[in-house]
Amino acid sequence: MLSFLIYISARVKGFQEAYQLGSLVVLPIVGLFISQMTGVLFLSVAVLAAIELIVLLIDGALVFYTAQQFDRDRLFSTQVR
């Protein structure tokens, strides 16, 4: 999840856009956590492990993709006005 937030921050023009897009990632995870803790949603250990594995694979792919796409010169030239 953190790698996705870093990727978003590198691609958008301002910090407000990064906050808004970052909340789209964080809010569903917080919603799952709250619903699990209150008993509205009951996920077994196997389902939670599967979700964790999926998130880990997505995060690993994003780290690899972000490292391949990283261009320091373009990043600095878009941030300076």
N, C-alpha and C. Protein backbone atom coordinates (compact mmCIF):
# COMPACT_ATOMS: atom_id res chain seq x y z
N MET A 1 0.82 -1.18 0.00
CA MET A 1 0.00 0.00 0.00
C MET A 1 0.87 1.25 0.00
N LEU A 2 1.94 1.21 0.73
CA LEU A 2 2.82 2.37 0.80
C LEU A 2 3.45 2.67 -0.55
N SER A 3 3.80 1.62 -1.28
CA SER A 3 4.40 1.84 -2.60
C SER A 3 3.41 2.50 -3.55
N PHE A 4 2.13 2.18 -3.43
CA PHE A 4 1.11 2.82 -4.26
C PHE A 4 1.00 4.30 -3.91
N LEU A 5 1.05 4.63 -2.64
CA LEU A 5 0.98 6.03 -2.23
C LEU A 5 2.20 6.81 -2.71
N ILE A 6 3.36 6.18 -2.70
CA ILE A 6 4.57 6.83 -3.21
C ILE A 6 4.46 7.05 -4.71
N TYR A 7 3.94 6.05 -5.41
CA TYR A 7 3.76 6.18 -6.86
C TYR A 7 2.79 7.31 -7.19
N ILE A 8 1.71 7.41 -6.44
CA ILE A 8 0.74 8.48 -6.65
C ILE A 8 1.40 9.84 -6.40
N SER A 9 2.16 9.95 -5.33
CA SER A 9 2.79 11.22 -4.99
C SER A 9 3.77 11.67 -6.07
N ALA A 10 4.42 10.71 -6.70
CA ALA A 10 5.39 11.06 -7.74
C ALA A 10 4.70 11.48 -9.03
N ARG A 11 3.48 11.05 -9.26
CA ARG A 11 2.80 11.30 -10.53
C ARG A 11 1.90 12.54 -10.54
N VAL A 12 1.38 12.94 -9.40
CA VAL A 12 0.44 14.07 -9.38
C VAL A 12 1.19 15.39 -9.27
N LYS A 13 0.48 16.47 -9.54
CA LYS A 13 1.11 17.79 -9.54
C LYS A 13 1.18 18.43 -8.16
N GLY A 14 0.22 18.15 -7.29
CA GLY A 14 0.21 18.80 -5.98
C GLY A 14 -0.06 17.82 -4.85
N PHE A 15 0.18 18.26 -3.65
CA PHE A 15 0.00 17.39 -2.50
C PHE A 15 -1.48 17.11 -2.22
N GLN A 16 -2.36 18.04 -2.59
CA GLN A 16 -3.78 17.82 -2.35
C GLN A 16 -4.32 16.66 -3.19
N GLU A 17 -3.85 16.56 -4.42
CA GLU A 17 -4.24 15.43 -5.26
C GLU A 17 -3.74 14.12 -4.68
N ALA A 18 -2.52 14.14 -4.15
CA ALA A 18 -1.95 12.94 -3.55
C ALA A 18 -2.76 12.51 -2.33
N TYR A 19 -3.19 13.46 -1.50
CA TYR A 19 -4.01 13.13 -0.34
C TYR A 19 -5.34 12.53 -0.75
N GLN A 20 -5.97 13.11 -1.75
CA GLN A 20 -7.28 12.62 -2.18
C GLN A 20 -7.18 11.23 -2.79
N LEU A 21 -6.22 11.00 -3.64
CA LEU A 21 -6.05 9.68 -4.25
C LEU A 21 -5.58 8.65 -3.22
N GLY A 22 -4.78 9.09 -2.27
CA GLY A 22 -4.34 8.19 -1.21
C GLY A 22 -5.47 7.72 -0.33
N SER A 23 -6.45 8.59 -0.14
CA SER A 23 -7.59 8.20 0.69
C SER A 23 -8.42 7.12 0.00
N LEU A 24 -8.42 7.10 -1.32
CA LEU A 24 -9.13 6.04 -2.05
C LEU A 24 -8.52 4.67 -1.79
N VAL A 25 -7.26 4.64 -1.45
CA VAL A 25 -6.59 3.38 -1.14
C VAL A 25 -6.80 3.01 0.33
N VAL A 26 -6.72 3.98 1.20
CA VAL A 26 -6.75 3.72 2.64
C VAL A 26 -8.17 3.44 3.15
N LEU A 27 -9.17 4.15 2.65
CA LEU A 27 -10.52 4.02 3.18
C LEU A 27 -11.12 2.61 3.07
N PRO A 28 -10.98 1.91 1.95
CA PRO A 28 -11.52 0.54 1.92
C PRO A 28 -10.84 -0.40 2.93
N ILE A 29 -9.56 -0.21 3.15
CA ILE A 29 -8.85 -1.05 4.12
C ILE A 29 -9.32 -0.74 5.53
N VAL A 30 -9.50 0.53 5.84
CA VAL A 30 -10.03 0.92 7.14
C VAL A 30 -11.44 0.40 7.33
N GLY A 31 -12.24 0.46 6.26
CA GLY A 31 -13.60 -0.08 6.33
C GLY A 31 -13.63 -1.57 6.61
N LEU A 32 -12.74 -2.33 5.98
CA LEU A 32 -12.65 -3.77 6.27
C LEU A 32 -12.25 -4.02 7.72
N PHE A 33 -11.29 -3.23 8.20
CA PHE A 33 -10.82 -3.39 9.57
C PHE A 33 -11.94 -3.10 10.58
N ILE A 34 -12.65 -2.01 10.37
CA ILE A 34 -13.72 -1.63 11.30
C ILE A 34 -14.86 -2.65 11.27
N SER A 35 -15.23 -3.09 10.06
CA SER A 35 -16.33 -4.06 9.99
C SER A 35 -15.93 -5.40 10.59
N GLN A 36 -14.67 -5.77 10.49
CA GLN A 36 -14.20 -7.01 11.11
C GLN A 36 -14.20 -6.88 12.64
N MET A 37 -13.78 -5.74 13.14
CA MET A 37 -13.69 -5.54 14.59
C MET A 37 -15.06 -5.42 15.24
N THR A 38 -16.03 -4.88 14.53
CA THR A 38 -17.37 -4.71 15.11
C THR A 38 -18.25 -5.94 14.93
N GLY A 39 -17.81 -6.89 14.13
CA GLY A 39 -18.58 -8.10 13.93
C GLY A 39 -19.55 -8.05 12.78
N VAL A 40 -19.57 -6.96 12.05
CA VAL A 40 -20.44 -6.85 10.89
C VAL A 40 -19.98 -7.81 9.79
N LEU A 41 -18.69 -7.95 9.67
CA LEU A 41 -18.10 -8.82 8.67
C LEU A 41 -17.19 -9.80 9.40
N PHE A 42 -17.34 -11.08 9.12
CA PHE A 42 -16.49 -12.07 9.76
C PHE A 42 -15.65 -12.76 8.70
N LEU A 43 -14.36 -12.56 8.77
CA LEU A 43 -13.43 -13.19 7.84
C LEU A 43 -12.60 -14.22 8.59
N SER A 44 -12.50 -15.39 8.02
CA SER A 44 -11.70 -16.44 8.66
C SER A 44 -10.21 -16.14 8.48
N VAL A 45 -9.41 -16.89 9.18
CA VAL A 45 -7.96 -16.72 9.09
C VAL A 45 -7.48 -17.00 7.67
N ALA A 46 -8.06 -17.99 7.03
CA ALA A 46 -7.66 -18.33 5.66
C ALA A 46 -7.98 -17.20 4.69
N VAL A 47 -9.15 -16.58 4.85
CA VAL A 47 -9.52 -15.46 3.97
C VAL A 47 -8.60 -14.27 4.22
N LEU A 48 -8.31 -13.99 5.47
CA LEU A 48 -7.40 -12.89 5.79
C LEU A 48 -6.01 -13.15 5.24
N ALA A 49 -5.54 -14.40 5.31
CA ALA A 49 -4.23 -14.74 4.76
C ALA A 49 -4.23 -14.59 3.24
N ALA A 50 -5.33 -14.96 2.59
CA ALA A 50 -5.43 -14.80 1.14
C ALA A 50 -5.42 -13.33 0.75
N ILE A 51 -6.15 -12.50 1.49
CA ILE A 51 -6.15 -11.06 1.22
C ILE A 51 -4.75 -10.49 1.42
N GLU A 52 -4.08 -10.93 2.47
CA GLU A 52 -2.72 -10.46 2.74
C GLU A 52 -1.78 -10.86 1.61
N LEU A 53 -1.90 -12.07 1.12
CA LEU A 53 -1.05 -12.53 0.02
C LEU A 53 -1.30 -11.72 -1.25
N ILE A 54 -2.56 -11.45 -1.54
CA ILE A 54 -2.89 -10.66 -2.72
C ILE A 54 -2.32 -9.25 -2.61
N VAL A 55 -2.48 -8.64 -1.45
CA VAL A 55 -1.95 -7.29 -1.24
C VAL A 55 -0.43 -7.30 -1.33
N LEU A 56 0.20 -8.33 -0.79
CA LEU A 56 1.66 -8.44 -0.86
C LEU A 56 2.14 -8.56 -2.30
N LEU A 57 1.45 -9.36 -3.12
CA LEU A 57 1.83 -9.51 -4.52
C LEU A 57 1.63 -8.20 -5.29
N ILE A 58 0.52 -7.52 -5.04
CA ILE A 58 0.28 -6.24 -5.70
C ILE A 58 1.33 -5.22 -5.29
N ASP A 59 1.68 -5.20 -4.02
CA ASP A 59 2.68 -4.27 -3.52
C ASP A 59 4.05 -4.56 -4.14
N GLY A 60 4.41 -5.82 -4.24
CA GLY A 60 5.68 -6.18 -4.86
C GLY A 60 5.73 -5.78 -6.32
N ALA A 61 4.62 -5.99 -7.04
CA ALA A 61 4.57 -5.58 -8.45
C ALA A 61 4.67 -4.07 -8.57
N LEU A 62 4.03 -3.33 -7.66
CA LEU A 62 4.11 -1.87 -7.71
C LEU A 62 5.51 -1.36 -7.40
N VAL A 63 6.20 -2.01 -6.48
CA VAL A 63 7.58 -1.61 -6.18
C VAL A 63 8.45 -1.81 -7.42
N PHE A 64 8.29 -2.95 -8.08
CA PHE A 64 9.07 -3.23 -9.29
C PHE A 64 8.73 -2.22 -10.39
N TYR A 65 7.44 -1.98 -10.62
CA TYR A 65 7.01 -1.05 -11.67
C TYR A 65 7.47 0.37 -11.37
N THR A 66 7.36 0.80 -10.13
CA THR A 66 7.77 2.16 -9.76
C THR A 66 9.27 2.33 -9.93
N ALA A 67 10.04 1.31 -9.57
CA ALA A 67 11.49 1.39 -9.74
C ALA A 67 11.87 1.48 -11.21
N GLN A 68 11.13 0.80 -12.07
CA GLN A 68 11.41 0.86 -13.51
C GLN A 68 11.02 2.21 -14.11
N GLN A 69 9.96 2.83 -13.60
CA GLN A 69 9.46 4.07 -14.16
C GLN A 69 10.08 5.32 -13.54
N PHE A 70 10.88 5.16 -12.51
CA PHE A 70 11.41 6.31 -11.78
C PHE A 70 12.39 7.09 -12.65
N ASP A 71 12.15 8.36 -12.79
CA ASP A 71 13.03 9.26 -13.54
C ASP A 71 13.23 10.52 -12.70
N ARG A 72 14.38 10.62 -12.09
CA ARG A 72 14.65 11.71 -11.16
C ARG A 72 14.53 13.08 -11.83
N ASP A 73 15.03 13.22 -13.04
CA ASP A 73 14.97 14.52 -13.71
C ASP A 73 13.54 14.95 -13.98
N ARG A 74 12.70 14.03 -14.45
CA ARG A 74 11.30 14.37 -14.71
C ARG A 74 10.56 14.70 -13.43
N LEU A 75 10.88 13.99 -12.35
CA LEU A 75 10.23 14.24 -11.07
C LEU A 75 10.54 15.65 -10.57
N PHE A 76 11.78 16.05 -10.64
CA PHE A 76 12.15 17.39 -10.17
C PHE A 76 11.66 18.48 -11.10
N SER A 77 11.66 18.22 -12.40
CA SER A 77 11.23 19.27 -13.33
C SER A 77 9.71 19.52 -13.22
N THR A 78 8.92 18.51 -12.83
CA THR A 78 7.49 18.73 -12.69
C THR A 78 7.14 19.36 -11.37
N GLN A 79 7.97 19.24 -10.36
CA GLN A 79 7.68 19.80 -9.05
C GLN A 79 8.09 21.26 -8.92
N VAL A 80 9.05 21.69 -9.69
CA VAL A 80 9.51 23.07 -9.62
C VAL A 80 8.65 23.92 -10.54
N ARG A 81 8.19 25.05 -10.01
CA ARG A 81 7.33 25.92 -10.84
C ARG A 81 8.01 27.20 -11.15
